[in-house]
Amino acid sequence: MTEWVDQVWGTDMTETFTAAEGRAYVFVAVDHCSGEFVGIHAASGASRWEALEPVKQGIAKHFGALDMAGVATGLTLRHDHGSNYMSGDFQHEIRFLGVISSPAFVCQPEGNGMAERAIRT
């Protein structure tokens, strides 16, 4: 937990199945202070670009534009060590936006507990 909103967000992915579409991956970004879902995105794939979508939704809503370097300076993003979050493209994009990457400790999912709790994993 943090004292103020927009200090630390957690992001994670879960998957589900639908009768019509089959497997769906659901990505979320959650504020560590308010517990608000700042972004949510469902997709048929689980790429680094899909993982970025809820983060970009939140940044657009809470910080303004997405095309300005450093627009979200001061925001820390907690995530796990999944390949989509650790990829060079994901890390480069959040760094461009001014976001500090904060990977949870390996094999300790509670380190990403806000996002895990939000999606009940």
Protein backbone atom coordinates (compact mmCIF):
# COMPACT_ATOMS: atom_id res chain seq x y z
CA MET A 1 0.00 0.00 0.00
CA THR A 2 1.09 3.57 -0.63
CA GLU A 3 -0.01 6.86 0.94
CA TRP A 4 -1.00 8.54 -2.34
CA VAL A 5 -2.51 7.47 -5.64
CA ASP A 6 -0.33 7.25 -8.74
CA GLN A 7 2.83 6.37 -6.78
CA VAL A 8 2.89 2.61 -7.39
CA TRP A 9 0.78 0.51 -9.73
CA GLY A 10 0.80 -3.25 -9.94
CA THR A 11 0.20 -5.14 -13.16
CA ASP A 12 -0.52 -8.80 -13.82
CA MET A 13 -2.23 -11.21 -16.18
CA THR A 14 -4.71 -14.02 -15.73
CA GLU A 15 -6.44 -16.21 -18.25
CA THR A 16 -9.96 -17.44 -18.68
CA PHE A 17 -12.03 -19.31 -21.26
CA THR A 18 -15.16 -18.26 -23.07
CA ALA A 19 -17.58 -20.55 -24.88
CA ALA A 20 -17.52 -18.44 -28.03
CA GLU A 21 -13.88 -17.33 -28.26
CA GLY A 22 -11.88 -19.88 -26.29
CA ARG A 23 -8.86 -18.76 -24.27
CA ALA A 24 -8.63 -15.10 -23.27
CA TYR A 25 -5.80 -13.35 -21.45
CA VAL A 26 -6.81 -10.52 -19.12
CA PHE A 27 -4.25 -7.89 -18.17
CA VAL A 28 -4.81 -5.39 -15.35
CA ALA A 29 -3.07 -2.40 -13.80
CA VAL A 30 -4.08 -1.53 -10.23
CA ASP A 31 -3.22 1.49 -8.07
CA HIS A 32 -1.52 0.42 -4.81
CA CYS A 33 -3.19 3.18 -2.79
CA SER A 34 -6.81 3.21 -3.95
CA GLY A 35 -7.09 -0.34 -5.33
CA GLU A 36 -8.61 1.21 -8.47
CA PHE A 37 -8.25 -0.62 -11.76
CA VAL A 38 -6.43 2.04 -13.78
CA GLY A 39 -6.49 -0.17 -16.87
CA ILE A 40 -7.82 -3.52 -18.04
CA HIS A 41 -7.33 -5.32 -21.34
CA ALA A 42 -8.45 -8.72 -22.68
CA ALA A 43 -6.85 -10.35 -25.71
CA SER A 44 -6.43 -13.69 -27.43
CA GLY A 45 -2.65 -13.41 -27.05
CA ALA A 46 -0.34 -12.61 -24.15
CA SER A 47 2.39 -10.57 -25.84
CA ARG A 48 4.39 -7.72 -24.34
CA TRP A 49 2.24 -5.30 -26.37
CA GLU A 50 -0.94 -6.71 -24.82
CA ALA A 51 0.67 -6.41 -21.35
CA LEU A 52 1.40 -2.72 -22.00
CA GLU A 53 -2.21 -1.86 -22.82
CA PRO A 54 -3.66 -1.48 -19.28
CA VAL A 55 -0.58 0.50 -18.21
CA LYS A 56 -0.99 2.84 -21.18
CA GLN A 57 -4.72 3.20 -20.44
CA GLY A 58 -3.91 4.27 -16.89
CA ILE A 59 -1.18 6.67 -17.95
CA ALA A 60 -3.46 8.30 -20.52
CA LYS A 61 -6.21 8.70 -17.90
CA HIS A 62 -4.06 9.77 -14.91
CA PHE A 63 -1.12 11.59 -16.53
CA GLY A 64 -2.41 12.84 -19.89
CA ALA A 65 -0.67 11.99 -23.15
CA LEU A 66 1.24 8.87 -24.19
CA ASP A 67 3.52 10.52 -26.73
CA MET A 68 5.56 12.60 -24.29
CA ALA A 69 8.78 11.25 -22.86
CA GLY A 70 8.66 11.13 -19.07
CA VAL A 71 4.93 11.92 -18.81
CA ALA A 72 4.53 9.49 -15.88
CA THR A 73 7.78 10.34 -14.07
CA GLY A 74 7.54 9.29 -10.43
CA LEU A 75 5.29 6.29 -11.05
CA THR A 76 6.64 2.85 -10.10
CA LEU A 77 5.24 -0.26 -11.79
CA ARG A 78 5.32 -3.55 -9.84
CA HIS A 79 5.17 -6.64 -12.05
CA ASP A 80 6.27 -10.25 -12.02
CA HIS A 81 9.12 -11.81 -14.02
CA GLY A 82 6.87 -13.00 -16.87
CA SER A 83 8.51 -12.77 -20.28
CA ASN A 84 5.99 -10.18 -21.47
CA TYR A 85 6.90 -7.84 -18.56
CA MET A 86 10.65 -8.44 -18.67
CA SER A 87 10.95 -8.07 -22.45
CA GLY A 88 13.11 -5.30 -23.82
CA ASP A 89 10.15 -3.72 -25.64
CA PHE A 90 8.00 -3.55 -22.48
CA GLN A 91 10.84 -2.17 -20.37
CA HIS A 92 11.84 0.35 -23.04
CA GLU A 93 8.27 1.65 -23.38
CA ILE A 94 7.68 2.16 -19.66
CA ARG A 95 11.12 3.77 -19.32
CA PHE A 96 10.22 6.19 -22.16
CA LEU A 97 7.04 7.12 -20.27
CA GLY A 98 9.10 7.80 -17.11
CA VAL A 99 7.88 4.74 -15.21
CA ILE A 100 10.25 2.91 -12.86
CA SER A 101 10.22 -0.88 -13.27
CA SER A 102 9.90 -2.79 -9.98
CA PRO A 103 9.93 -6.56 -10.56
CA ALA A 104 8.64 -8.64 -7.65
CA PHE A 105 11.03 -11.17 -6.16
CA VAL A 106 11.25 -14.44 -8.08
CA CYS A 107 8.97 -17.20 -6.66
CA GLN A 108 7.30 -14.73 -4.28
CA PRO A 109 3.94 -13.81 -5.84
CA GLU A 110 2.97 -11.80 -2.75
CA GLY A 111 5.46 -9.19 -3.98
CA ASN A 112 2.91 -8.36 -6.66
CA GLY A 113 0.05 -8.83 -4.21
CA MET A 114 -2.10 -5.81 -5.11
CA ALA A 115 -2.52 -6.92 -8.73
CA GLU A 116 -2.75 -10.60 -7.73
CA ARG A 117 -5.48 -9.84 -5.19
CA ALA A 118 -7.40 -7.67 -7.67
CA ILE A 119 -7.74 -10.58 -10.08
CA ARG A 120 -7.97 -13.19 -7.33
CA THR A 121 -4.93 -15.26 -8.38
